[in-house]
Amino acid sequence: MKYRILRDNELRDLEPQLKHFLIVNGVHDDEWKRINSEDPDKAIELVQIFSDNMLQRFYESIEYLEKRTADRCFLFRCQQEKIEMITFSLANKDAFDITNTDEFQQALADPENFDDYVQGQKVYTVGREQEIHAMMEQGHRPIKGDLWEFFSTNLKKTQNDSIT
């Protein structure tokens, strides 16, 4: 397997896609029931292939990832050839718990609540989707690009201010 078998709740959510996948691969309802009861290894193999296909498509669609601790945030922009990172921490570690969405939103109201900005990038070592998979297994989650844009703009502004 390239990634992992989808969890039961994920498979339930993707049941129409799984049925379509099975039909495209020549496995109709009665055949699927027979395989499940008589050849469970074959059924698992089909679910593994389906899982890899679905996760591959999902990872290909991801542009931004985020991971937060109580006082630090890591943002990633997943480009085709490289991944970019912005990380920052709370200026006052006792003021907010940024793992709490409401408190994070409150902290975002004033960019002065954050400091210790670090920006970096690296080329993927094992492939874009495999690295995204590994990061998601470590607790990173997909996000929209708004937060990335907000902090990349503030970071550039801060850098420009310090140069002049």
Protein backbone atom coordinates (compact mmCIF):
# COMPACT_ATOMS: atom_id res chain seq x y z
CA MET A 1 0.00 0.00 0.00
CA LYS A 2 1.07 3.51 -0.73
CA TYR A 3 -0.91 5.18 2.08
CA ARG A 4 -3.39 3.39 4.37
CA ILE A 5 -6.75 1.65 4.35
CA LEU A 6 -9.57 4.11 4.81
CA ARG A 7 -11.25 3.93 8.20
CA ASP A 8 -14.77 2.51 8.49
CA ASN A 9 -16.37 5.95 8.81
CA GLU A 10 -14.42 7.18 5.76
CA LEU A 11 -15.54 4.15 3.76
CA ARG A 12 -19.15 4.75 4.80
CA ASP A 13 -18.87 8.36 3.65
CA LEU A 14 -17.40 7.21 0.34
CA GLU A 15 -19.79 4.27 -0.21
CA PRO A 16 -21.14 5.56 -3.56
CA GLN A 17 -17.56 5.99 -4.85
CA LEU A 18 -16.62 2.52 -3.56
CA LYS A 19 -19.60 0.97 -5.34
CA HIS A 20 -18.64 2.78 -8.55
CA PHE A 21 -15.02 1.62 -8.17
CA LEU A 22 -16.12 -1.98 -7.71
CA ILE A 23 -18.47 -1.88 -10.71
CA VAL A 24 -15.76 -0.35 -12.93
CA ASN A 25 -13.51 -3.22 -11.83
CA GLY A 26 -16.14 -5.82 -12.70
CA VAL A 27 -17.32 -6.50 -9.16
CA HIS A 28 -21.09 -6.13 -8.84
CA ASP A 29 -23.16 -6.43 -5.66
CA ASP A 30 -23.56 -10.24 -5.62
CA GLU A 31 -19.90 -10.73 -6.55
CA TRP A 32 -18.82 -8.34 -3.77
CA LYS A 33 -20.87 -10.26 -1.20
CA ARG A 34 -19.33 -13.53 -2.41
CA ILE A 35 -15.77 -12.13 -2.26
CA ASN A 36 -16.36 -10.78 1.25
CA SER A 37 -17.52 -14.14 2.55
CA GLU A 38 -15.31 -16.52 0.54
CA ASP A 39 -12.13 -14.55 -0.18
CA PRO A 40 -11.66 -11.83 2.48
CA ASP A 41 -8.04 -11.27 1.37
CA LYS A 42 -9.27 -10.32 -2.09
CA ALA A 43 -11.86 -7.97 -0.54
CA ILE A 44 -9.16 -6.31 1.56
CA GLU A 45 -6.96 -5.96 -1.52
CA LEU A 46 -9.76 -4.20 -3.40
CA VAL A 47 -10.38 -1.86 -0.46
CA GLN A 48 -6.64 -1.12 -0.30
CA ILE A 49 -6.55 -0.18 -3.98
CA PHE A 50 -9.66 1.97 -3.56
CA SER A 51 -8.19 3.63 -0.44
CA ASP A 52 -4.93 4.46 -2.19
CA ASN A 53 -6.82 5.92 -5.17
CA MET A 54 -9.06 8.09 -2.98
CA LEU A 55 -6.23 9.30 -0.76
CA GLN A 56 -4.05 10.05 -3.80
CA ARG A 57 -6.80 12.26 -5.25
CA PHE A 58 -7.37 13.92 -1.88
CA TYR A 59 -3.67 14.67 -1.33
CA GLU A 60 -3.33 16.01 -4.88
CA SER A 61 -6.07 18.55 -4.07
CA ILE A 62 -4.37 19.89 -0.93
CA GLU A 63 -2.70 23.27 -1.24
CA TYR A 64 -2.30 24.33 2.39
CA LEU A 65 -1.76 22.54 5.70
CA GLU A 66 -1.73 23.74 9.28
CA LYS A 67 -0.69 22.40 12.65
CA ARG A 68 -1.14 24.29 15.93
CA THR A 69 0.11 23.76 19.43
CA ALA A 70 -1.09 25.88 22.36
CA ASP A 71 1.35 28.68 21.50
CA ARG A 72 2.80 27.96 18.04
CA CYS A 73 1.33 27.66 14.55
CA PHE A 74 2.87 25.97 11.51
CA LEU A 75 1.49 26.81 8.06
CA PHE A 76 2.51 25.05 4.86
CA ARG A 77 1.93 25.82 1.20
CA CYS A 78 2.24 22.61 -0.80
CA GLN A 79 3.45 23.49 -4.25
CA GLN A 80 4.27 20.94 -6.94
CA GLU A 81 8.04 20.81 -6.47
CA LYS A 82 8.53 22.24 -2.99
CA ILE A 83 6.78 22.91 0.29
CA GLU A 84 6.93 26.32 1.93
CA MET A 85 6.53 26.91 5.66
CA ILE A 86 5.66 29.84 7.88
CA THR A 87 5.76 29.32 11.61
CA PHE A 88 5.14 31.79 14.38
CA SER A 89 4.40 31.80 18.08
CA LEU A 90 2.30 33.81 20.48
CA ALA A 91 4.07 36.87 21.82
CA ASN A 92 2.36 36.31 25.20
CA LYS A 93 2.09 32.57 25.71
CA ASP A 94 -0.47 32.97 28.50
CA ALA A 95 -2.84 35.25 26.55
CA PHE A 96 -4.41 32.63 24.26
CA ASP A 97 -4.54 28.91 23.53
CA ILE A 98 -4.44 28.90 19.75
CA THR A 99 -5.53 25.27 19.53
CA ASN A 100 -8.92 26.70 20.53
CA THR A 101 -10.50 28.10 17.35
CA ASP A 102 -12.25 30.98 19.13
CA GLU A 103 -9.09 32.05 20.93
CA PHE A 104 -7.10 31.75 17.72
CA GLN A 105 -9.60 34.04 15.97
CA GLN A 106 -9.30 36.53 18.84
CA ALA A 107 -5.50 36.44 18.59
CA LEU A 108 -5.67 36.99 14.82
CA ALA A 109 -7.44 40.31 15.37
CA ASP A 110 -4.05 41.85 16.18
CA PRO A 111 -0.89 40.62 14.38
CA GLU A 112 1.08 42.03 17.33
CA ASN A 113 -0.11 38.93 19.26
CA PHE A 114 2.40 36.90 17.25
CA ASP A 115 6.16 36.92 16.96
CA ASP A 116 9.10 34.66 16.23
CA TYR A 117 8.20 34.40 12.54
CA VAL A 118 10.23 31.87 10.60
CA GLN A 119 9.86 31.21 6.91
CA GLY A 120 11.43 28.38 4.95
CA GLN A 121 11.05 25.92 2.12
CA LYS A 122 12.32 22.55 1.00
CA VAL A 123 12.08 20.26 -1.99
CA TYR A 124 10.04 17.10 -1.39
CA THR A 125 12.23 14.10 -0.64
CA VAL A 126 9.76 11.24 -1.15
CA GLY A 127 7.15 12.90 -3.31
CA ARG A 128 4.54 15.55 -2.68
CA GLU A 129 1.56 13.35 -1.83
CA GLN A 130 3.60 10.97 0.35
CA GLU A 131 4.91 13.90 2.38
CA ILE A 132 1.42 15.35 2.74
CA HIS A 133 0.20 11.93 3.89
CA ALA A 134 2.97 11.71 6.50
CA MET A 135 2.20 15.22 7.75
CA MET A 136 -1.52 14.45 8.05
CA GLU A 137 -0.72 11.29 9.99
CA GLN A 138 1.24 13.56 12.38
CA GLY A 139 -1.77 15.81 12.96
CA HIS A 140 -1.50 18.45 10.23
CA ARG A 141 -4.81 19.35 8.64
CA PRO A 142 -5.82 20.91 5.33
CA ILE A 143 -6.90 24.55 5.41
CA LYS A 144 -7.84 27.27 2.96
CA GLY A 145 -5.15 29.71 1.88
CA ASP A 146 -6.48 32.73 3.82
CA LEU A 147 -4.28 32.17 6.84
CA TRP A 148 -1.19 31.63 4.69
CA GLU A 149 -1.89 34.85 2.80
CA PHE A 150 -2.51 36.77 6.03
CA PHE A 151 0.81 35.76 7.59
CA SER A 152 2.91 35.82 4.42
CA THR A 153 1.71 39.40 3.89
CA ASN A 154 2.43 40.36 7.51
CA LEU A 155 5.79 38.65 7.43
CA LYS A 156 6.80 40.46 4.24
CA LYS A 157 5.55 43.74 5.72
CA THR A 158 7.58 43.16 8.87
CA GLN A 159 10.68 42.31 6.82
CA ASN A 160 10.22 45.37 4.61
CA ASP A 161 9.76 47.57 7.67
CA SER A 162 12.98 46.30 9.21
CA ILE A 163 14.98 46.93 6.00
CA THR A 164 13.98 50.60 5.61
